C-alpha atoms as a PDB file:
ATOM      1  CA  MET A   1       7.702  -8.595  23.920  1.00  0.00           C
ATOM      2  CA  SER A   2       5.610  -5.865  22.350  1.00  0.00           C
ATOM      3  CA  CYS A   3       4.046  -3.086  24.322  1.00  0.00           C
ATOM      4  CA  SER A   4       0.457  -3.565  25.474  1.00  0.00           C
ATOM      5  CA  GLY A   5      -2.274  -1.024  26.031  1.00  0.00           C
ATOM      6  CA  ALA A   6      -2.086   2.659  25.201  1.00  0.00           C
ATOM      7  CA  GLY A   7       0.299   3.652  27.965  1.00  0.00           C
ATOM      8  CA  THR A   8       3.984   4.517  27.704  1.00  0.00           C
ATOM      9  CA  THR A   9       6.845   2.387  29.040  1.00  0.00           C
ATOM     10  CA  THR A  10      10.328   3.791  29.666  1.00  0.00           C
ATOM     11  CA  ARG A  11      12.931   1.044  29.632  1.00  0.00           C
ATOM     12  CA  LYS A  12      15.912  -0.604  28.014  1.00  0.00           C
ATOM     13  CA  LEU A  13      15.289  -2.998  25.152  1.00  0.00           C
ATOM     14  CA  PRO A  14      13.494  -6.027  26.620  1.00  0.00           C
ATOM     15  CA  THR A  15      15.429  -9.214  27.287  1.00  0.00           C
ATOM     16  CA  GLY A  16      14.845 -11.487  24.316  1.00  0.00           C
ATOM     17  CA  LEU A  17      14.850  -8.704  21.728  1.00  0.00           C
ATOM     18  CA  THR A  18      17.955  -8.689  19.592  1.00  0.00           C
ATOM     19  CA  GLY A  19      19.737  -5.680  18.179  1.00  0.00           C
ATOM     20  CA  THR A  20      21.496  -2.587  19.405  1.00  0.00           C
ATOM     21  CA  THR A  21      20.775  -1.455  22.959  1.00  0.00           C
ATOM     22  CA  LEU A  22      19.651   2.149  22.935  1.00  0.00           C
ATOM     23  CA  GLY A  23      19.897   3.351  26.488  1.00  0.00           C
ATOM     24  CA  ALA A  24      16.586   4.727  27.687  1.00  0.00           C
ATOM     25  CA  VAL A  25      13.868   4.655  25.036  1.00  0.00           C
ATOM     26  CA  GLN A  26      10.142   5.177  25.242  1.00  0.00           C
ATOM     27  CA  ILE A  27       7.860   2.774  23.412  1.00  0.00           C
ATOM     28  CA  SER A  28       4.232   3.831  23.242  1.00  0.00           C
ATOM     29  CA  ARG A  29       1.090   3.451  21.172  1.00  0.00           C
ATOM     30  CA  PRO A  30      -0.065   5.949  18.539  1.00  0.00           C
ATOM     31  CA  THR A  31      -2.657   8.335  19.975  1.00  0.00           C
ATOM     32  CA  PRO A  32      -4.570  11.298  18.536  1.00  0.00           C
ATOM     33  CA  GLU A  33      -2.406  13.641  20.607  1.00  0.00           C
ATOM     34  CA  ARG A  34       0.681  12.482  18.729  1.00  0.00           C
ATOM     35  CA  PHE A  35      -0.864  12.347  15.273  1.00  0.00           C
ATOM     36  CA  ASP A  36       0.839  15.513  14.026  1.00  0.00           C
ATOM     37  CA  GLU A  37       4.248  14.332  15.253  1.00  0.00           C
ATOM     38  CA  ALA A  38       3.810  11.011  13.495  1.00  0.00           C
ATOM     39  CA  LEU A  39       2.719  12.647  10.245  1.00  0.00           C
ATOM     40  CA  THR A  40       5.692  15.011  10.333  1.00  0.00           C
ATOM     41  CA  LEU A  41       8.054  12.052  10.790  1.00  0.00           C
ATOM     42  CA  LEU A  42       6.497  10.112   7.894  1.00  0.00           C
ATOM     43  CA  GLN A  43       6.758  13.135   5.650  1.00  0.00           C
ATOM     44  CA  ALA A  44      10.391  13.685   6.642  1.00  0.00           C
ATOM     45  CA  THR A  45      11.315  10.125   5.632  1.00  0.00           C
ATOM     46  CA  ASP A  46       9.784  10.713   2.188  1.00  0.00           C
ATOM     47  CA  VAL A  47      11.639  13.981   1.707  1.00  0.00           C
ATOM     48  CA  ALA A  48      14.925  12.352   2.686  1.00  0.00           C
ATOM     49  CA  ALA A  49      14.372   9.528   0.176  1.00  0.00           C
ATOM     50  CA  TYR A  50      13.103  11.357  -2.905  1.00  0.00           C
ATOM     51  CA  GLY A  51      12.790  15.064  -2.138  1.00  0.00           C
ATOM     52  CA  ALA A  52       9.018  15.334  -1.661  1.00  0.00           C
ATOM     53  CA  THR A  53       6.169  13.615   0.183  1.00  0.00           C
ATOM     54  CA  ASP A  54       2.732  12.240  -0.621  1.00  0.00           C
ATOM     55  CA  TRP A  55       1.693  11.617   2.993  1.00  0.00           C
ATOM     56  CA  THR A  56      -1.372  13.668   3.972  1.00  0.00           C
ATOM     57  CA  GLU A  57      -3.473  13.986   7.111  1.00  0.00           C
ATOM     58  CA  ALA A  58      -6.335  12.140   5.428  1.00  0.00           C
ATOM     59  CA  GLU A  59      -4.150   9.196   4.431  1.00  0.00           C
ATOM     60  CA  LEU A  60      -2.654   8.731   7.893  1.00  0.00           C
ATOM     61  CA  HIS A  61      -6.080   9.088   9.521  1.00  0.00           C
ATOM     62  CA  GLU A  62      -7.396   6.361   7.221  1.00  0.00           C
ATOM     63  CA  GLU A  63      -4.441   4.100   8.014  1.00  0.00           C
ATOM     64  CA  TRP A  64      -4.815   4.559  11.761  1.00  0.00           C
ATOM     65  CA  GLU A  65      -8.542   3.887  11.550  1.00  0.00           C
ATOM     66  CA  THR A  66      -7.896   0.487   9.955  1.00  0.00           C
ATOM     67  CA  ILE A  67      -5.234  -0.621  12.480  1.00  0.00           C
ATOM     68  CA  ASP A  68      -5.740  -1.831  16.046  1.00  0.00           C
ATOM     69  CA  LEU A  69      -3.344   0.787  17.384  1.00  0.00           C
ATOM     70  CA  ASP A  70      -3.394  -0.624  20.909  1.00  0.00           C
ATOM     71  CA  ARG A  71      -1.868  -3.861  19.605  1.00  0.00           C
ATOM     72  CA  ASP A  72      -0.451  -3.219  16.149  1.00  0.00           C
ATOM     73  CA  GLY A  73       1.028   0.285  16.272  1.00  0.00           C
ATOM     74  CA  TRP A  74       4.157   1.636  17.969  1.00  0.00           C
ATOM     75  CA  LEU A  75       5.935   4.928  18.510  1.00  0.00           C
ATOM     76  CA  VAL A  76       9.566   4.998  19.611  1.00  0.00           C
ATOM     77  CA  ASP A  77      10.971   8.093  21.320  1.00  0.00           C
ATOM     78  CA  LEU A  78      14.660   8.689  21.835  1.00  0.00           C
ATOM     79  CA  GLU A  79      16.099  11.585  23.798  1.00  0.00           C
ATOM     80  CA  GLY A  80      12.701  13.189  24.159  1.00  0.00           C
ATOM     81  CA  ARG A  81      11.684  13.231  20.494  1.00  0.00           C
ATOM     82  CA  LEU A  82       9.757  10.932  18.190  1.00  0.00           C
ATOM     83  CA  ALA A  83      12.298   8.784  16.377  1.00  0.00           C
ATOM     84  CA  GLY A  84      10.268   5.968  14.816  1.00  0.00           C
ATOM     85  CA  VAL A  85       6.794   4.776  13.821  1.00  0.00           C
ATOM     86  CA  MET A  86       5.731   1.210  13.034  1.00  0.00           C
ATOM     87  CA  HIS A  87       2.413  -0.260  11.884  1.00  0.00           C
ATOM     88  CA  LEU A  88       1.422  -3.893  11.526  1.00  0.00           C
ATOM     89  CA  CYS A  89      -1.020  -2.953   8.822  1.00  0.00           C
ATOM     90  CA  GLU A  90      -2.980  -6.113   8.016  1.00  0.00           C
ATOM     91  CA  ARG A  91      -2.888  -9.817   7.257  1.00  0.00           C
ATOM     92  CA  ARG A  92      -3.442 -10.946   3.676  1.00  0.00           C
ATOM     93  CA  GLY A  93      -3.883 -14.681   3.761  1.00  0.00           C
ATOM     94  CA  SER A  94      -0.629 -15.939   5.253  1.00  0.00           C
ATOM     95  CA  THR A  95       1.299 -12.684   4.880  1.00  0.00           C
ATOM     96  CA  PHE A  96       1.502  -9.941   7.496  1.00  0.00           C
ATOM     97  CA  LEU A  97       2.215  -6.470   6.114  1.00  0.00           C
ATOM     98  CA  SER A  98       4.177  -3.968   8.192  1.00  0.00           C
ATOM     99  CA  ASP A  99       5.254  -0.414   7.551  1.00  0.00           C
ATOM    100  CA  GLY A 100       8.042   1.252   9.552  1.00  0.00           C
ATOM    101  CA  TYR A 101       9.689   4.675   9.529  1.00  0.00           C
ATOM    102  CA  VAL A 102      12.763   6.140  11.230  1.00  0.00           C
ATOM    103  CA  HIS A 103      13.304   9.886  11.328  1.00  0.00           C
ATOM    104  CA  PRO A 104      16.239  10.727   9.033  1.00  0.00           C
ATOM    105  CA  GLU A 105      17.995  12.576  11.848  1.00  0.00           C
ATOM    106  CA  MET A 106      17.748   9.560  14.172  1.00  0.00           C
ATOM    107  CA  ARG A 107      19.144   6.816  11.945  1.00  0.00           C
ATOM    108  CA  ALA A 108      21.991   4.482  12.866  1.00  0.00           C
ATOM    109  CA  ARG A 109      20.972   4.556  16.530  1.00  0.00           C
ATOM    110  CA  GLY A 110      19.048   1.299  16.755  1.00  0.00           C
ATOM    111  CA  VAL A 111      15.566   2.723  16.251  1.00  0.00           C
ATOM    112  CA  GLY A 112      14.903   0.623  13.149  1.00  0.00           C
ATOM    113  CA  THR A 113      16.028  -2.522  14.938  1.00  0.00           C
ATOM    114  CA  THR A 114      13.662  -1.753  17.812  1.00  0.00           C
ATOM    115  CA  LEU A 115      10.742  -1.268  15.429  1.00  0.00           C
ATOM    116  CA  LEU A 116      11.443  -4.528  13.601  1.00  0.00           C
ATOM    117  CA  ASP A 117      11.768  -6.404  16.880  1.00  0.00           C
ATOM    118  CA  LEU A 118       8.399  -5.100  18.032  1.00  0.00           C
ATOM    119  CA  VAL A 119       6.501  -5.817  14.842  1.00  0.00           C
ATOM    120  CA  GLU A 120       8.040  -9.258  14.381  1.00  0.00           C
ATOM    121  CA  ALA A 121       7.160 -10.239  17.932  1.00  0.00           C
ATOM    122  CA  ARG A 122       3.568  -9.129  17.390  1.00  0.00           C
ATOM    123  CA  ALA A 123       3.304 -10.911  14.030  1.00  0.00           C
ATOM    124  CA  ARG A 124       4.548 -14.112  15.657  1.00  0.00           C
ATOM    125  CA  GLU A 125       1.802 -13.756  18.274  1.00  0.00           C
ATOM    126  CA  ARG A 126      -0.707 -13.670  15.414  1.00  0.00           C
ATOM    127  CA  VAL A 127       0.706 -16.545  13.345  1.00  0.00           C
ATOM    128  CA  GLY A 128      -2.226 -18.725  14.416  1.00  0.00           C
ATOM    129  CA  GLU A 129      -4.598 -16.480  12.466  1.00  0.00           C
ATOM    130  CA  ALA A 130      -3.107 -17.690   9.169  1.00  0.00           C
ATOM    131  CA  PRO A 131      -4.553 -20.756   7.428  1.00  0.00           C
ATOM    132  CA  ALA A 132      -3.428 -24.004   9.024  1.00  0.00           C
ATOM    133  CA  GLY A 133      -0.320 -25.524   7.454  1.00  0.00           C
ATOM    134  CA  SER A 134       0.456 -22.456   5.342  1.00  0.00           C
ATOM    135  CA  ARG A 135       3.816 -20.751   5.082  1.00  0.00           C
ATOM    136  CA  VAL A 136       3.545 -17.513   7.076  1.00  0.00           C
ATOM    137  CA  THR A 137       5.634 -14.471   6.227  1.00  0.00           C
ATOM    138  CA  LEU A 138       6.171 -10.909   7.398  1.00  0.00           C
ATOM    139  CA  HIS A 139       6.668  -8.182   4.801  1.00  0.00           C
ATOM    140  CA  ASN A 140       8.244  -4.791   5.395  1.00  0.00           C
ATOM    141  CA  SER A 141       8.875  -2.137   2.773  1.00  0.00           C
ATOM    142  CA  HIS A 142      11.182   0.845   2.448  1.00  0.00           C
ATOM    143  CA  LEU A 143      11.617   3.639  -0.039  1.00  0.00           C
ATOM    144  CA  VAL A 144      14.639   3.298  -2.278  1.00  0.00           C
ATOM    145  CA  GLY A 145      16.953   6.128  -1.328  1.00  0.00           C
ATOM    146  CA  ASP A 146      17.412   5.073   2.282  1.00  0.00           C
ATOM    147  CA  ASP A 147      20.710   3.196   1.962  1.00  0.00           C
ATOM    148  CA  ARG A 148      20.644   1.899   5.540  1.00  0.00           C
ATOM    149  CA  ALA A 149      17.307   0.080   5.233  1.00  0.00           C
ATOM    150  CA  PRO A 150      18.521  -2.849   3.077  1.00  0.00           C
ATOM    151  CA  LEU A 151      21.397  -3.546   5.474  1.00  0.00           C
ATOM    152  CA  LEU A 152      19.069  -3.413   8.463  1.00  0.00           C
ATOM    153  CA  LEU A 153      16.488  -5.734   6.931  1.00  0.00           C
ATOM    154  CA  ALA A 154      19.035  -8.208   5.601  1.00  0.00           C
ATOM    155  CA  GLY A 155      20.681  -8.291   9.012  1.00  0.00           C
ATOM    156  CA  ARG A 156      17.346  -9.176  10.603  1.00  0.00           C
ATOM    157  CA  GLY A 157      16.789 -12.147   8.288  1.00  0.00           C
ATOM    158  CA  PHE A 158      14.649 -10.484   5.601  1.00  0.00           C
ATOM    159  CA  ALA A 159      15.195 -10.963   1.861  1.00  0.00           C
ATOM    160  CA  ARG A 160      14.083  -8.568  -0.874  1.00  0.00           C
ATOM    161  CA  VAL A 161      11.271 -10.136  -2.890  1.00  0.00           C
ATOM    162  CA  ARG A 162       9.696  -7.362  -4.968  1.00  0.00           C
ATOM    163  CA  SER A 163       9.729  -3.699  -5.969  1.00  0.00           C
ATOM    164  CA  PHE A 164       6.779  -1.401  -6.533  1.00  0.00           C
ATOM    165  CA  PHE A 165       6.537   1.985  -8.227  1.00  0.00           C
ATOM    166  CA  ARG A 166       4.388   4.978  -7.385  1.00  0.00           C
ATOM    167  CA  MET A 167       3.675   6.509 -10.789  1.00  0.00           C
ATOM    168  CA  VAL A 168       2.098   9.908 -11.406  1.00  0.00           C
ATOM    169  CA  ALA A 169       0.792  11.962 -14.308  1.00  0.00           C
ATOM    170  CA  ASP A 170       0.088  15.679 -14.601  1.00  0.00           C
ATOM    171  CA  VAL A 171      -3.348  15.327 -16.191  1.00  0.00           C
ATOM    172  CA  ASP A 172      -3.874  19.083 -16.173  1.00  0.00           C
ATOM    173  CA  ARG A 173      -1.285  19.387 -18.935  1.00  0.00           C
ATOM    174  CA  MET A 174      -2.108  16.394 -21.073  1.00  0.00           C
ATOM    175  CA  LYS A 175      -4.853  15.705 -23.555  1.00  0.00           C
ATOM    176  CA  SER A 176      -6.131  12.227 -22.734  1.00  0.00           C
ATOM    177  CA  VAL A 177      -8.479  11.009 -25.449  1.00  0.00           C
ATOM    178  CA  PRO A 178      -9.421   7.331 -25.074  1.00  0.00           C
ATOM    179  CA  VAL A 179      -9.528   5.214 -28.226  1.00  0.00           C
ATOM    180  CA  TRP A 180     -11.780   2.236 -27.589  1.00  0.00           C
ATOM    181  CA  PRO A 181     -11.289  -1.095 -29.341  1.00  0.00           C
ATOM    182  CA  SER A 182     -14.176  -2.305 -31.447  1.00  0.00           C
ATOM    183  CA  GLY A 183     -16.738  -4.367 -29.581  1.00  0.00           C
ATOM    184  CA  VAL A 184     -16.732  -2.653 -26.185  1.00  0.00           C
ATOM    185  CA  GLU A 185     -19.016  -0.042 -24.678  1.00  0.00           C
ATOM    186  CA  LEU A 186     -19.015   1.870 -21.396  1.00  0.00           C
ATOM    187  CA  ARG A 187     -21.927   1.501 -19.004  1.00  0.00           C
ATOM    188  CA  PRO A 188     -22.518   3.301 -15.692  1.00  0.00           C
ATOM    189  CA  LEU A 189     -21.747   1.205 -12.633  1.00  0.00           C
ATOM    190  CA  ASP A 190     -24.671   0.116 -10.487  1.00  0.00           C
ATOM    191  CA  VAL A 191     -23.069  -1.549  -7.464  1.00  0.00           C
ATOM    192  CA  ASP A 192     -26.133  -3.621  -6.560  1.00  0.00           C
ATOM    193  CA  THR A 193     -26.550  -4.924 -10.111  1.00  0.00           C
ATOM    194  CA  HIS A 194     -22.974  -5.129 -11.315  1.00  0.00           C
ATOM    195  CA  GLY A 195     -20.908  -5.513  -8.138  1.00  0.00           C
ATOM    196  CA  ARG A 196     -20.484  -9.277  -8.302  1.00  0.00           C
ATOM    197  CA  ARG A 197     -19.765  -9.189 -12.035  1.00  0.00           C
ATOM    198  CA  LEU A 198     -17.067  -6.606 -11.413  1.00  0.00           C
ATOM    199  CA  HIS A 199     -15.596  -8.760  -8.651  1.00  0.00           C
ATOM    200  CA  ALA A 200     -15.453 -11.764 -10.994  1.00  0.00           C
ATOM    201  CA  ALA A 201     -13.734  -9.668 -13.669  1.00  0.00           C
ATOM    202  CA  SER A 202     -11.217  -8.438 -11.106  1.00  0.00           C
ATOM    203  CA  GLU A 203     -10.412 -11.982 -10.029  1.00  0.00           C
ATOM    204  CA  SER A 204      -9.894 -12.969 -13.673  1.00  0.00           C
ATOM    205  CA  ALA A 205      -7.705  -9.960 -14.426  1.00  0.00           C
ATOM    206  CA  PHE A 206      -5.329 -10.398 -11.483  1.00  0.00           C
ATOM    207  CA  THR A 207      -4.930 -14.173 -11.167  1.00  0.00           C
ATOM    208  CA  GLU A 208      -1.396 -14.016 -12.604  1.00  0.00           C
ATOM    209  CA  THR A 209      -0.143 -11.210 -10.364  1.00  0.00           C
ATOM    210  CA  TRP A 210       2.397 -11.627  -7.586  1.00  0.00           C
ATOM    211  CA  GLU A 211       0.943 -13.096  -4.403  1.00  0.00           C
ATOM    212  CA  TYR A 212      -2.561 -13.260  -5.889  1.00  0.00           C
ATOM    213  CA  ARG A 213      -5.065 -14.333  -3.270  1.00  0.00           C
ATOM    214  CA  ALA A 214      -8.676 -15.182  -4.089  1.00  0.00           C
ATOM    215  CA  ARG A 215     -11.066 -13.037  -2.082  1.00  0.00           C
ATOM    216  CA  SER A 216     -14.749 -13.456  -1.392  1.00  0.00           C
ATOM    217  CA  TYR A 217     -17.103 -10.873  -2.808  1.00  0.00           C
ATOM    218  CA  ASP A 218     -17.841  -9.426   0.621  1.00  0.00           C
ATOM    219  CA  GLU A 219     -14.153  -8.940   1.467  1.00  0.00           C
ATOM    220  CA  TRP A 220     -13.398  -7.436  -1.940  1.00  0.00           C
ATOM    221  CA  ALA A 221     -16.464  -5.180  -1.913  1.00  0.00           C
ATOM    222  CA  HIS A 222     -15.614  -3.845   1.543  1.00  0.00           C
ATOM    223  CA  ASP A 223     -12.156  -2.857   0.334  1.00  0.00           C
ATOM    224  CA  ILE A 224     -13.345  -1.370  -2.978  1.00  0.00           C
ATOM    225  CA  PHE A 225     -16.802   0.068  -2.358  1.00  0.00           C
ATOM    226  CA  GLY A 226     -16.411   0.714   1.376  1.00  0.00           C
ATOM    227  CA  ARG A 227     -13.791   3.444   1.119  1.00  0.00           C
ATOM    228  CA  PRO A 228     -15.012   6.935   2.022  1.00  0.00           C
ATOM    229  CA  GLN A 229     -13.794   8.291  -1.328  1.00  0.00           C
ATOM    230  CA  PHE A 230     -15.751   5.749  -3.386  1.00  0.00           C
ATOM    231  CA  GLU A 231     -17.893   7.334  -6.093  1.00  0.00           C
ATOM    232  CA  PRO A 232     -19.560   5.082  -8.722  1.00  0.00           C
ATOM    233  CA  SER A 233     -19.286   7.721 -11.429  1.00  0.00           C
ATOM    234  CA  LEU A 234     -15.484   7.478 -11.209  1.00  0.00           C
ATOM    235  CA  VAL A 235     -15.523   3.760 -12.007  1.00  0.00           C
ATOM    236  CA  VAL A 236     -14.983   2.971 -15.690  1.00  0.00           C
ATOM    237  CA  VAL A 237     -16.467  -0.345 -16.797  1.00  0.00           C
ATOM    238  CA  ALA A 238     -16.029  -1.569 -20.379  1.00  0.00           C
ATOM    239  CA  TRP A 239     -18.478  -4.251 -21.482  1.00  0.00           C
ATOM    240  CA  SER A 240     -18.481  -6.644 -24.405  1.00  0.00           C
ATOM    241  CA  ALA A 241     -22.071  -7.789 -24.743  1.00  0.00           C
ATOM    242  CA  ASP A 242     -22.865  -9.256 -21.293  1.00  0.00           C
ATOM    243  CA  GLU A 243     -19.253  -9.665 -20.149  1.00  0.00           C
ATOM    244  CA  ILE A 244     -16.971  -7.152 -18.481  1.00  0.00           C
ATOM    245  CA  ALA A 245     -13.867  -6.774 -20.636  1.00  0.00           C
ATOM    246  CA  GLY A 246     -12.008  -4.298 -18.446  1.00  0.00           C
ATOM    247  CA  PHE A 247     -12.421  -1.760 -15.670  1.00  0.00           C
ATOM    248  CA  SER A 248     -10.724   1.061 -13.794  1.00  0.00           C
ATOM    249  CA  ILE A 249     -11.791   1.840 -10.226  1.00  0.00           C
ATOM    250  CA  ASN A 250     -10.791   5.400  -9.376  1.00  0.00           C
ATOM    251  CA  TYR A 251     -10.948   7.637  -6.324  1.00  0.00           C
ATOM    252  CA  ALA A 252     -10.641  11.383  -5.871  1.00  0.00           C
ATOM    253  CA  LYS A 253      -8.076  12.426  -3.234  1.00  0.00           C
ATOM    254  CA  ARG A 254      -7.341   8.790  -2.377  1.00  0.00           C
ATOM    255  CA  MET A 255      -3.535   8.841  -1.952  1.00  0.00           C
ATOM    256  CA  GLY A 256      -1.749  12.068  -1.274  1.00  0.00           C
ATOM    257  CA  ASP A 257      -3.480  15.152  -2.586  1.00  0.00           C
ATOM    258  CA  TRP A 258      -4.163  13.390  -5.883  1.00  0.00           C
ATOM    259  CA  GLY A 259      -6.616  11.354  -7.844  1.00  0.00           C
ATOM    260  CA  TRP A 260      -5.946   7.639  -7.526  1.00  0.00           C
ATOM    261  CA  VAL A 261      -6.333   4.783  -9.987  1.00  0.00           C
ATOM    262  CA  GLY A 262      -6.997   2.084  -7.418  1.00  0.00           C
ATOM    263  CA  LEU A 263      -7.543  -0.939  -9.611  1.00  0.00           C
ATOM    264  CA  LEU A 264      -7.200  -1.172 -13.389  1.00  0.00           C
ATOM    265  CA  GLY A 265      -7.641  -4.545 -15.019  1.00  0.00           C
ATOM    266  CA  VAL A 266      -8.305  -6.150 -18.389  1.00  0.00           C
ATOM    267  CA  THR A 267      -9.594  -9.709 -18.619  1.00  0.00           C
ATOM    268  CA  PRO A 268      -7.325 -12.131 -20.559  1.00  0.00           C
ATOM    269  CA  PRO A 269      -9.392 -12.273 -23.793  1.00  0.00           C
ATOM    270  CA  TRP A 270      -9.172  -8.505 -24.183  1.00  0.00           C
ATOM    271  CA  ARG A 271      -5.481  -7.926 -23.568  1.00  0.00           C
ATOM    272  CA  ARG A 272      -3.184  -6.360 -26.177  1.00  0.00           C
ATOM    273  CA  ARG A 273      -6.051  -4.610 -27.941  1.00  0.00           C
ATOM    274  CA  GLY A 274      -5.533  -1.134 -26.478  1.00  0.00           C
ATOM    275  CA  LEU A 275      -8.267  -1.472 -23.863  1.00  0.00           C
ATOM    276  CA  GLY A 276      -5.956  -0.856 -20.894  1.00  0.00           C
ATOM    277  CA  LEU A 277      -4.691   2.416 -22.356  1.00  0.00           C
ATOM    278  CA  ALA A 278      -8.240   3.543 -23.172  1.00  0.00           C
ATOM    279  CA  LEU A 279      -9.378   2.791 -19.617  1.00  0.00           C
ATOM    280  CA  LEU A 280      -6.494   4.828 -18.215  1.00  0.00           C
ATOM    281  CA  MET A 281      -7.184   7.775 -20.526  1.00  0.00           C
ATOM    282  CA  GLU A 282     -10.850   7.729 -19.528  1.00  0.00           C
ATOM    283  CA  SER A 283      -9.826   7.597 -15.856  1.00  0.00           C
ATOM    284  CA  PHE A 284      -7.649  10.673 -16.341  1.00  0.00           C
ATOM    285  CA  GLU A 285     -10.584  12.522 -17.900  1.00  0.00           C
ATOM    286  CA  ARG A 286     -13.036  11.633 -15.141  1.00  0.00           C
ATOM    287  CA  LEU A 287     -10.628  12.541 -12.376  1.00  0.00           C
ATOM    288  CA  ARG A 288      -9.702  15.786 -14.076  1.00  0.00           C
ATOM    289  CA  ALA A 289     -13.408  16.641 -14.221  1.00  0.00           C
ATOM    290  CA  THR A 290     -13.486  16.480 -10.398  1.00  0.00           C
ATOM    291  CA  GLY A 291     -10.709  19.070 -10.212  1.00  0.00           C
ATOM    292  CA  GLU A 292      -7.728  16.731  -9.923  1.00  0.00           C
ATOM    293  CA  THR A 293      -4.551  17.906 -11.616  1.00  0.00           C
ATOM    294  CA  THR A 294      -2.370  14.939 -10.704  1.00  0.00           C
ATOM    295  CA  VAL A 295      -3.292  11.259 -10.914  1.00  0.00           C
ATOM    296  CA  ALA A 296      -1.282   8.463  -9.303  1.00  0.00           C
ATOM    297  CA  LEU A 297      -1.254   4.692  -9.037  1.00  0.00           C
ATOM    298  CA  GLY A 298       0.871   1.883  -7.655  1.00  0.00           C
ATOM    299  CA  VAL A 299       2.283  -0.926  -9.784  1.00  0.00           C
ATOM    300  CA  ASP A 300       4.432  -4.009  -9.365  1.00  0.00           C
ATOM    301  CA  SER A 301       7.651  -3.318 -11.252  1.00  0.00           C
ATOM    302  CA  GLU A 302       7.576  -6.927 -12.514  1.00  0.00           C
ATOM    303  CA  ASN A 303       3.895  -6.990 -13.422  1.00  0.00           C
ATOM    304  CA  PRO A 304       3.506  -9.893 -15.878  1.00  0.00           C
ATOM    305  CA  THR A 305       1.017  -8.050 -18.098  1.00  0.00           C
ATOM    306  CA  GLY A 306       3.410  -5.191 -18.860  1.00  0.00           C
ATOM    307  CA  ALA A 307       1.439  -2.605 -16.888  1.00  0.00           C
ATOM    308  CA  THR A 308       4.476  -0.390 -16.244  1.00  0.00           C
ATOM    309  CA  ARG A 309       5.082   0.054 -19.978  1.00  0.00           C
ATOM    310  CA  LEU A 310       1.401   0.850 -20.484  1.00  0.00           C
ATOM    311  CA  TYR A 311       1.497   3.587 -17.850  1.00  0.00           C
ATOM    312  CA  GLU A 312       4.648   5.077 -19.359  1.00  0.00           C
ATOM    313  CA  ARG A 313       2.921   5.237 -22.758  1.00  0.00           C
ATOM    314  CA  ALA A 314       0.108   7.124 -21.061  1.00  0.00           C
ATOM    315  CA  GLY A 315       2.559   9.779 -19.895  1.00  0.00           C
ATOM    316  CA  MET A 316       3.099   8.596 -16.326  1.00  0.00           C
ATOM    317  CA  GLY A 317       6.469   8.649 -14.610  1.00  0.00           C
ATOM    318  CA  VAL A 318       7.942   6.980 -11.553  1.00  0.00           C
ATOM    319  CA  LEU A 319       7.820   9.170  -8.454  1.00  0.00           C
ATOM    320  CA  TRP A 320       9.370   6.636  -6.100  1.00  0.00           C
ATOM    321  CA  GLN A 321      10.254   2.973  -5.744  1.00  0.00           C
ATOM    322  CA  ALA A 322       9.564   0.861  -2.668  1.00  0.00           C
ATOM    323  CA  ASP A 323      11.284  -2.484  -2.119  1.00  0.00           C
ATOM    324  CA  VAL A 324       9.416  -5.246  -0.302  1.00  0.00           C
ATOM    325  CA  TRP A 325      11.369  -7.511   2.041  1.00  0.00           C
ATOM    326  CA  GLU A 326      10.138 -10.822   3.451  1.00  0.00           C
ATOM    327  CA  LYS A 327      10.897 -12.929   6.513  1.00  0.00           C
ATOM    328  CA  GLU A 328       9.492 -16.384   7.095  1.00  0.00           C
ATOM    329  CA  LEU A 329       7.735 -16.771  10.443  1.00  0.00           C
ATOM    330  CA  ARG A 330       6.475 -20.326   9.913  1.00  0.00           C
ATOM    331  CA  ALA A 331       7.368 -22.912   7.322  1.00  0.00           C
ATOM    332  CA  GLY A 332       4.510 -24.436   5.353  1.00  0.00           C
ATOM    333  CA  ARG A 333       3.754 -28.080   5.160  1.00  0.00           C
END
């Protein structure tokens, strides 16, 4: 039911796909020749939702490089213009993550339904990749501010399960002086020596978070250390004797044209001692030293450790909210 290959097909909605019939549409794969069109559409959806955008060329290039575009990416054209973009981004355990966009000027014309039909059909083709017997779900997110998206997703059998914030701070205008709790010291990160210890600390720090999934060191290290923006000097690691008490893994120009706090965690014995705030202040300082003026991060609005309140105390504010919606593709047993 999804398109195959990199070619373009002009047709009605395929038999078996539900939703509004659009007349003639073109469904194709993302290609380098259409990169600028796709980026412009993504940026337009942001502007319509919250008045600005944090999509950059570098971010979309990175996303397209991690997706099998010939199988897991779609462009939808309507009346000769790009109307929608959809990515089946990745599988995390038994959850498939998708990311779809409809141009604000092309809403209420069935484009969103077409995108959801395509990505759901592809996710169902890949259900066998998930662990045997597990409950398999498809997630799709939308920025709050698009009032049509909740109705569309609910009508397609999705239910809202979570909200996430993008929070930002203008570090060029703040004085961020970390105050470290007694008993911890900072040490430079040596990936070869400390990588597995940092992985273990990360697993400990995030066990209680929503949809936590244990990851092997190799998988985790590829995601953390394998990014092109990774720089060990931007990683803050707080030690207590021979144990890692907390850490903040930061990247310059990681998301948008900003510094990015990719992963900030405090192990359970060290919580509520001010270590999280100190790690964030130190992260601001290190990123500012690289020339960053704005620092951003993403956070679960219902984070059980109170991370949102911590970030607000550090002077960060919510730029946008994204709601995550879920549809079950296979029941567990």
